[in-house]
PDB file of N, CA and C in Angstrom:
ATOM      1  N   MET A   1      78.950 -68.505 -28.188  1.00  0.00           N
ATOM      2  CA  MET A   1      78.326 -69.131 -27.057  1.00  0.00           C
ATOM      3  C   MET A   1      77.709 -70.480 -27.415  1.00  0.00           C
ATOM      4  N   ALA A   2      77.347 -70.600 -28.652  1.00  0.00           N
ATOM      5  CA  ALA A   2      76.766 -71.870 -29.088  1.00  0.00           C
ATOM      6  C   ALA A   2      77.803 -72.963 -29.060  1.00  0.00           C
ATOM      7  N   ASN A   3      79.101 -72.612 -29.211  1.00  0.00           N
ATOM      8  CA  ASN A   3      80.162 -73.585 -29.245  1.00  0.00           C
ATOM      9  C   ASN A   3      80.773 -73.841 -27.844  1.00  0.00           C
ATOM     10  N   ASP A   4      80.348 -73.070 -26.827  1.00  0.00           N
ATOM     11  CA  ASP A   4      80.881 -73.278 -25.472  1.00  0.00           C
ATOM     12  C   ASP A   4      80.350 -74.586 -24.909  1.00  0.00           C
ATOM     13  N   PRO A   5      81.238 -75.317 -24.241  1.00  0.00           N
ATOM     14  CA  PRO A   5      80.781 -76.593 -23.648  1.00  0.00           C
ATOM     15  C   PRO A   5      79.809 -76.253 -22.516  1.00  0.00           C
ATOM     16  N   PRO A   6      78.860 -77.099 -22.273  1.00  0.00           N
ATOM     17  CA  PRO A   6      77.881 -76.852 -21.196  1.00  0.00           C
ATOM     18  C   PRO A   6      78.600 -76.835 -19.847  1.00  0.00           C
ATOM     19  N   ARG A   7      78.170 -75.957 -18.992  1.00  0.00           N
ATOM     20  CA  ARG A   7      78.792 -75.855 -17.668  1.00  0.00           C
ATOM     21  C   ARG A   7      78.230 -76.961 -16.762  1.00  0.00           C
ATOM     22  N   ARG A   8      79.130 -77.484 -15.963  1.00  0.00           N
ATOM     23  CA  ARG A   8      78.718 -78.510 -14.993  1.00  0.00           C
ATOM     24  C   ARG A   8      78.122 -77.803 -13.792  1.00  0.00           C
ATOM     25  N   PRO A   9      76.903 -78.106 -13.417  1.00  0.00           N
ATOM     26  CA  PRO A   9      76.320 -77.468 -12.245  1.00  0.00           C
ATOM     27  C   PRO A   9      77.065 -77.845 -10.980  1.00  0.00           C
ATOM     28  N   ARG A  10      77.208 -76.879 -10.090  1.00  0.00           N
ATOM     29  CA  ARG A  10      77.879 -77.187  -8.831  1.00  0.00           C
ATOM     30  C   ARG A  10      76.920 -77.947  -7.924  1.00  0.00           C
ATOM     31  N   THR A  11      77.501 -78.836  -7.158  1.00  0.00           N
ATOM     32  CA  THR A  11      76.732 -79.590  -6.214  1.00  0.00           C
ATOM     33  C   THR A  11      77.283 -79.347  -4.846  1.00  0.00           C
ATOM     34  N   LEU A  12      76.573 -79.759  -3.812  1.00  0.00           N
ATOM     35  CA  LEU A  12      77.028 -79.558  -2.459  1.00  0.00           C
ATOM     36  C   LEU A  12      78.357 -80.296  -2.197  1.00  0.00           C
ATOM     37  N   ASN A  13      78.624 -81.322  -2.953  1.00  0.00           N
ATOM     38  CA  ASN A  13      79.845 -82.095  -2.761  1.00  0.00           C
ATOM     39  C   ASN A  13      81.007 -81.546  -3.558  1.00  0.00           C
ATOM     40  N   ASP A  14      80.756 -80.553  -4.358  1.00  0.00           N
ATOM     41  CA  ASP A  14      81.803 -79.953  -5.176  1.00  0.00           C
ATOM     42  C   ASP A  14      82.851 -79.367  -4.245  1.00  0.00           C
ATOM     43  N   ALA A  15      84.116 -79.693  -4.438  1.00  0.00           N
ATOM     44  CA  ALA A  15      85.207 -79.250  -3.574  1.00  0.00           C
ATOM     45  C   ALA A  15      85.311 -77.719  -3.527  1.00  0.00           C
ATOM     46  N   ARG A  16      85.144 -77.082  -4.661  1.00  0.00           N
ATOM     47  CA  ARG A  16      85.247 -75.630  -4.690  1.00  0.00           C
ATOM     48  C   ARG A  16      84.137 -74.996  -3.873  1.00  0.00           C
ATOM     49  N   THR A  17      82.936 -75.489  -4.014  1.00  0.00           N
ATOM     50  CA  THR A  17      81.791 -74.968  -3.267  1.00  0.00           C
ATOM     51  C   THR A  17      82.016 -75.124  -1.776  1.00  0.00           C
ATOM     52  N   GLU A  18      82.522 -76.273  -1.387  1.00  0.00           N
ATOM     53  CA  GLU A  18      82.786 -76.555   0.010  1.00  0.00           C
ATOM     54  C   GLU A  18      83.898 -75.628   0.532  1.00  0.00           C
ATOM     55  N   ALA A  19      84.923 -75.410  -0.256  1.00  0.00           N
ATOM     56  CA  ALA A  19      86.028 -74.528   0.154  1.00  0.00           C
ATOM     57  C   ALA A  19      85.539 -73.112   0.294  1.00  0.00           C
ATOM     58  N   GLU A  20      84.729 -72.654  -0.648  1.00  0.00           N
ATOM     59  CA  GLU A  20      84.202 -71.312  -0.572  1.00  0.00           C
ATOM     60  C   GLU A  20      83.322 -71.109   0.667  1.00  0.00           C
ATOM     61  N   ALA A  21      82.509 -72.107   0.972  1.00  0.00           N
ATOM     62  CA  ALA A  21      81.654 -72.025   2.141  1.00  0.00           C
ATOM     63  C   ALA A  21      82.477 -71.976   3.417  1.00  0.00           C
ATOM     64  N   ALA A  22      83.524 -72.793   3.487  1.00  0.00           N
ATOM     65  CA  ALA A  22      84.404 -72.816   4.684  1.00  0.00           C
ATOM     66  C   ALA A  22      85.122 -71.482   4.807  1.00  0.00           C
ATOM     67  N   PHE A  23      85.598 -70.929   3.706  1.00  0.00           N
ATOM     68  CA  PHE A  23      86.291 -69.641   3.725  1.00  0.00           C
ATOM     69  C   PHE A  23      85.344 -68.528   4.173  1.00  0.00           C
ATOM     70  N   LYS A  24      84.123 -68.578   3.669  1.00  0.00           N
ATOM     71  CA  LYS A  24      83.138 -67.553   4.034  1.00  0.00           C
ATOM     72  C   LYS A  24      82.871 -67.599   5.523  1.00  0.00           C
ATOM     73  N   LYS A  25      82.733 -68.801   6.081  1.00  0.00           N
ATOM     74  CA  LYS A  25      82.500 -68.907   7.547  1.00  0.00           C
ATOM     75  C   LYS A  25      83.690 -68.402   8.337  1.00  0.00           C
ATOM     76  N   ALA A  26      84.913 -68.691   7.858  1.00  0.00           N
ATOM     77  CA  ALA A  26      86.102 -68.315   8.586  1.00  0.00           C
ATOM     78  C   ALA A  26      86.375 -66.819   8.525  1.00  0.00           C
ATOM     79  N   THR A  27      85.928 -66.169   7.459  1.00  0.00           N
ATOM     80  CA  THR A  27      86.231 -64.749   7.296  1.00  0.00           C
ATOM     81  C   THR A  27      85.027 -63.838   7.580  1.00  0.00           C
ATOM     82  N   ALA A  28      83.881 -64.439   7.878  1.00  0.00           N
ATOM     83  CA  ALA A  28      82.695 -63.622   8.142  1.00  0.00           C
ATOM     84  C   ALA A  28      82.914 -62.816   9.439  1.00  0.00           C
ATOM     85  N   LYS A  29      82.586 -61.535   9.358  1.00  0.00           N
ATOM     86  CA  LYS A  29      82.718 -60.686  10.515  1.00  0.00           C
ATOM     87  C   LYS A  29      81.433 -60.797  11.327  1.00  0.00           C
ATOM     88  N   THR A  30      81.619 -60.987  12.608  1.00  0.00           N
ATOM     89  CA  THR A  30      80.465 -61.026  13.488  1.00  0.00           C
ATOM     90  C   THR A  30      80.259 -59.620  14.062  1.00  0.00           C
ATOM     91  N   ALA A  31      79.049 -59.249  14.253  1.00  0.00           N
ATOM     92  CA  ALA A  31      78.774 -57.942  14.812  1.00  0.00           C
ATOM     93  C   ALA A  31      79.228 -57.868  16.242  1.00  0.00           C
ATOM     94  N   ALA A  32      80.043 -56.885  16.548  1.00  0.00           N
ATOM     95  CA  ALA A  32      80.507 -56.708  17.904  1.00  0.00           C
ATOM     96  C   ALA A  32      79.340 -56.204  18.761  1.00  0.00           C
ATOM     97  N   PRO A  33      79.242 -56.689  19.974  1.00  0.00           N
ATOM     98  CA  PRO A  33      78.161 -56.193  20.797  1.00  0.00           C
ATOM     99  C   PRO A  33      78.342 -54.700  21.072  1.00  0.00           C
ATOM    100  N   LEU A  34      77.246 -53.963  21.029  1.00  0.00           N
ATOM    101  CA  LEU A  34      77.317 -52.529  21.281  1.00  0.00           C
ATOM    102  C   LEU A  34      77.607 -52.300  22.749  1.00  0.00           C
ATOM    103  N   PRO A  35      78.519 -51.373  23.018  1.00  0.00           N
ATOM    104  CA  PRO A  35      78.814 -51.094  24.430  1.00  0.00           C
ATOM    105  C   PRO A  35      77.595 -50.423  25.076  1.00  0.00           C
ATOM    106  N   LYS A  36      77.389 -50.784  26.327  1.00  0.00           N
ATOM    107  CA  LYS A  36      76.278 -50.190  27.050  1.00  0.00           C
ATOM    108  C   LYS A  36      76.605 -48.744  27.353  1.00  0.00           C
ATOM    109  N   GLN A  37      75.672 -47.883  27.055  1.00  0.00           N
ATOM    110  CA  GLN A  37      75.892 -46.473  27.314  1.00  0.00           C
ATOM    111  C   GLN A  37      75.506 -46.193  28.775  1.00  0.00           C
ATOM    112  N   ALA A  38      76.412 -45.534  29.437  1.00  0.00           N
ATOM    113  CA  ALA A  38      76.145 -45.180  30.817  1.00  0.00           C
ATOM    114  C   ALA A  38      75.070 -44.096  30.854  1.00  0.00           C
ATOM    115  N   ALA A  39      74.303 -44.128  31.922  1.00  0.00           N
ATOM    116  CA  ALA A  39      73.281 -43.109  32.085  1.00  0.00           C
ATOM    117  C   ALA A  39      73.938 -41.741  32.188  1.00  0.00           C
ATOM    118  N   ALA A  40      73.315 -40.743  31.599  1.00  0.00           N
ATOM    119  CA  ALA A  40      73.871 -39.392  31.650  1.00  0.00           C
ATOM    120  C   ALA A  40      73.866 -38.913  33.087  1.00  0.00           C
ATOM    121  N   ILE A  41      75.007 -38.397  33.488  1.00  0.00           N
ATOM    122  CA  ILE A  41      75.147 -37.870  34.852  1.00  0.00           C
ATOM    123  C   ILE A  41      74.915 -36.368  34.766  1.00  0.00           C
ATOM    124  N   PRO A  42      73.973 -35.862  35.540  1.00  0.00           N
ATOM    125  CA  PRO A  42      73.702 -34.441  35.518  1.00  0.00           C
ATOM    126  C   PRO A  42      74.956 -33.608  35.851  1.00  0.00           C
ATOM    127  N   GLY A  43      75.152 -32.559  35.084  1.00  0.00           N
ATOM    128  CA  GLY A  43      76.280 -31.642  35.334  1.00  0.00           C
ATOM    129  C   GLY A  43      77.586 -32.065  34.717  1.00  0.00           C
ATOM    130  N   VAL A  44      77.651 -33.253  34.112  1.00  0.00           N
ATOM    131  CA  VAL A  44      78.879 -33.706  33.448  1.00  0.00           C
ATOM    132  C   VAL A  44      78.822 -33.264  32.005  1.00  0.00           C
ATOM    133  N   ARG A  45      79.888 -32.644  31.548  1.00  0.00           N
ATOM    134  CA  ARG A  45      79.896 -32.158  30.165  1.00  0.00           C
ATOM    135  C   ARG A  45      80.706 -33.097  29.291  1.00  0.00           C
ATOM    136  N   GLU A  46      80.337 -33.093  28.032  1.00  0.00           N
ATOM    137  CA  GLU A  46      81.033 -33.916  27.048  1.00  0.00           C
ATOM    138  C   GLU A  46      81.625 -33.029  25.958  1.00  0.00           C
ATOM    139  N   GLN A  47      82.849 -33.290  25.606  1.00  0.00           N
ATOM    140  CA  GLN A  47      83.502 -32.491  24.571  1.00  0.00           C
ATOM    141  C   GLN A  47      83.009 -32.966  23.195  1.00  0.00           C
ATOM    142  N   VAL A  48      82.602 -32.007  22.384  1.00  0.00           N
ATOM    143  CA  VAL A  48      82.116 -32.298  21.025  1.00  0.00           C
ATOM    144  C   VAL A  48      82.708 -31.278  20.073  1.00  0.00           C
ATOM    145  N   THR A  49      82.629 -31.586  18.799  1.00  0.00           N
ATOM    146  CA  THR A  49      82.991 -30.628  17.748  1.00  0.00           C
ATOM    147  C   THR A  49      81.683 -30.145  17.134  1.00  0.00           C
ATOM    148  N   LEU A  50      81.555 -28.836  17.050  1.00  0.00           N
ATOM    149  CA  LEU A  50      80.320 -28.250  16.562  1.00  0.00           C
ATOM    150  C   LEU A  50      80.664 -27.121  15.630  1.00  0.00           C
ATOM    151  N   ARG A  51      80.036 -27.092  14.477  1.00  0.00           N
ATOM    152  CA  ARG A  51      80.261 -26.024  13.498  1.00  0.00           C
ATOM    153  C   ARG A  51      79.157 -24.974  13.678  1.00  0.00           C
ATOM    154  N   ILE A  52      79.606 -23.747  13.961  1.00  0.00           N
ATOM    155  CA  ILE A  52      78.692 -22.625  14.218  1.00  0.00           C
ATOM    156  C   ILE A  52      79.065 -21.508  13.268  1.00  0.00           C
ATOM    157  N   ASP A  53      78.060 -20.807  12.736  1.00  0.00           N
ATOM    158  CA  ASP A  53      78.328 -19.672  11.876  1.00  0.00           C
ATOM    159  C   ASP A  53      79.214 -18.656  12.615  1.00  0.00           C
ATOM    160  N   GLN A  54      80.111 -18.035  11.864  1.00  0.00           N
ATOM    161  CA  GLN A  54      81.092 -17.111  12.434  1.00  0.00           C
ATOM    162  C   GLN A  54      80.417 -15.972  13.200  1.00  0.00           C
ATOM    163  N   ASP A  55      79.364 -15.420  12.651  1.00  0.00           N
ATOM    164  CA  ASP A  55      78.689 -14.298  13.332  1.00  0.00           C
ATOM    165  C   ASP A  55      78.079 -14.724  14.666  1.00  0.00           C
ATOM    166  N   VAL A  56      77.559 -15.954  14.716  1.00  0.00           N
ATOM    167  CA  VAL A  56      76.979 -16.444  15.965  1.00  0.00           C
ATOM    168  C   VAL A  56      78.078 -16.647  17.000  1.00  0.00           C
ATOM    169  N   LEU A  57      79.191 -17.225  16.582  1.00  0.00           N
ATOM    170  CA  LEU A  57      80.329 -17.421  17.473  1.00  0.00           C
ATOM    171  C   LEU A  57      80.836 -16.094  18.032  1.00  0.00           C
ATOM    172  N   GLU A  58      80.964 -15.119  17.134  1.00  0.00           N
ATOM    173  CA  GLU A  58      81.459 -13.803  17.566  1.00  0.00           C
ATOM    174  C   GLU A  58      80.497 -13.176  18.577  1.00  0.00           C
ATOM    175  N   TYR A  59      79.200 -13.389  18.390  1.00  0.00           N
ATOM    176  CA  TYR A  59      78.196 -12.821  19.319  1.00  0.00           C
ATOM    177  C   TYR A  59      78.449 -13.334  20.726  1.00  0.00           C
ATOM    178  N   PHE A  60      78.670 -14.655  20.869  1.00  0.00           N
ATOM    179  CA  PHE A  60      78.880 -15.222  22.184  1.00  0.00           C
ATOM    180  C   PHE A  60      80.263 -14.876  22.729  1.00  0.00           C
ATOM    181  N   GLN A  61      81.261 -14.744  21.870  1.00  0.00           N
ATOM    182  CA  GLN A  61      82.604 -14.427  22.317  1.00  0.00           C
ATOM    183  C   GLN A  61      82.762 -12.952  22.703  1.00  0.00           C
ATOM    184  N   GLU A  62      81.860 -12.082  22.252  1.00  0.00           N
ATOM    185  CA  GLU A  62      81.930 -10.655  22.593  1.00  0.00           C
ATOM    186  C   GLU A  62      81.904 -10.433  24.113  1.00  0.00           C
ATOM    187  N   GLY A  63      81.235 -11.306  24.820  1.00  0.00           N
ATOM    188  CA  GLY A  63      81.097 -11.159  26.273  1.00  0.00           C
ATOM    189  C   GLY A  63      82.320 -11.596  27.037  1.00  0.00           C
ATOM    190  N   GLY A  64      83.360 -12.030  26.340  1.00  0.00           N
ATOM    191  CA  GLY A  64      84.585 -12.466  26.994  1.00  0.00           C
ATOM    192  C   GLY A  64      84.526 -13.912  27.453  1.00  0.00           C
ATOM    193  N   PRO A  65      85.388 -14.226  28.454  1.00  0.00           N
ATOM    194  CA  PRO A  65      85.436 -15.594  28.938  1.00  0.00           C
ATOM    195  C   PRO A  65      84.046 -16.088  29.389  1.00  0.00           C
ATOM    196  N   GLY A  66      83.810 -17.368  29.207  1.00  0.00           N
ATOM    197  CA  GLY A  66      82.524 -17.949  29.549  1.00  0.00           C
ATOM    198  C   GLY A  66      81.591 -18.087  28.352  1.00  0.00           C
ATOM    199  N   TRP A  67      82.122 -17.794  27.170  1.00  0.00           N
ATOM    200  CA  TRP A  67      81.290 -17.847  25.967  1.00  0.00           C
ATOM    201  C   TRP A  67      80.753 -19.241  25.715  1.00  0.00           C
ATOM    202  N   GLN A  68      81.530 -20.288  26.052  1.00  0.00           N
ATOM    203  CA  GLN A  68      81.034 -21.644  25.845  1.00  0.00           C
ATOM    204  C   GLN A  68      79.864 -21.938  26.783  1.00  0.00           C
ATOM    205  N   ASP A  69      79.932 -21.408  28.014  1.00  0.00           N
ATOM    206  CA  ASP A  69      78.823 -21.577  28.953  1.00  0.00           C
ATOM    207  C   ASP A  69      77.578 -20.864  28.439  1.00  0.00           C
ATOM    208  N   ARG A  70      77.775 -19.697  27.825  1.00  0.00           N
ATOM    209  CA  ARG A  70      76.638 -18.961  27.281  1.00  0.00           C
ATOM    210  C   ARG A  70      75.999 -19.710  26.113  1.00  0.00           C
ATOM    211  N   ILE A  71      76.816 -20.332  25.269  1.00  0.00           N
ATOM    212  CA  ILE A  71      76.274 -21.127  24.179  1.00  0.00           C
ATOM    213  C   ILE A  71      75.508 -22.306  24.749  1.00  0.00           C
ATOM    214  N   ASN A  72      76.070 -22.950  25.761  1.00  0.00           N
ATOM    215  CA  ASN A  72      75.403 -24.096  26.393  1.00  0.00           C
ATOM    216  C   ASN A  72      74.048 -23.697  26.961  1.00  0.00           C
ATOM    217  N   GLU A  73      74.000 -22.544  27.649  1.00  0.00           N
ATOM    218  CA  GLU A  73      72.748 -22.062  28.232  1.00  0.00           C
ATOM    219  C   GLU A  73      71.721 -21.764  27.150  1.00  0.00           C
ATOM    220  N   ALA A  74      72.169 -21.138  26.045  1.00  0.00           N
ATOM    221  CA  ALA A  74      71.255 -20.866  24.937  1.00  0.00           C
ATOM    222  C   ALA A  74      70.698 -22.141  24.345  1.00  0.00           C
ATOM    223  N   LEU A  75      71.556 -23.157  24.229  1.00  0.00           N
ATOM    224  CA  LEU A  75      71.097 -24.456  23.689  1.00  0.00           C
ATOM    225  C   LEU A  75      70.123 -25.139  24.647  1.00  0.00           C
ATOM    226  N   ARG A  76      70.404 -25.020  25.934  1.00  0.00           N
ATOM    227  CA  ARG A  76      69.483 -25.600  26.946  1.00  0.00           C
ATOM    228  C   ARG A  76      68.091 -24.937  26.825  1.00  0.00           C
ATOM    229  N   LYS A  77      68.109 -23.612  26.698  1.00  0.00           N
ATOM    230  CA  LYS A  77      66.838 -22.877  26.589  1.00  0.00           C
ATOM    231  C   LYS A  77      66.105 -23.294  25.323  1.00  0.00           C
ATOM    232  N   ALA A  78      66.834 -23.418  24.201  1.00  0.00           N
ATOM    233  CA  ALA A  78      66.218 -23.832  22.929  1.00  0.00           C
ATOM    234  C   ALA A  78      65.669 -25.264  23.015  1.00  0.00           C
ATOM    235  N   ALA A  79      66.305 -26.106  23.837  1.00  0.00           N
ATOM    236  CA  ALA A  79      65.849 -27.482  24.010  1.00  0.00           C
ATOM    237  C   ALA A  79      64.713 -27.578  25.001  1.00  0.00           C
ATOM    238  N   GLY A  80      64.367 -26.475  25.662  1.00  0.00           N
ATOM    239  CA  GLY A  80      63.293 -26.498  26.617  1.00  0.00           C
ATOM    240  C   GLY A  80      63.666 -27.099  27.949  1.00  0.00           C
ATOM    241  N   LYS A  81      64.907 -26.985  28.301  1.00  0.00           N
ATOM    242  CA  LYS A  81      65.398 -27.555  29.574  1.00  0.00           C
ATOM    243  C   LYS A  81      65.765 -26.490  30.537  1.00  0.00           C
TER     244      LYS A  81
END
């Protein structure tokens, strides 16, 4: 390192610095505006993926059709609604 030639400091007029700055501006990603969320409409359901323990799922499915409604009602009750 003692034998390395001294590095030339970059200046604002340095072509490489200017090129890098121009490239950075051209490739910089701008944050996309977040879409406005519509107000929740009462009674409209949304499809989601939910992981539930097998024994809990079996409990609700034992009652036959309507098990998803029963899970929804139990969640509403737990949420205090």
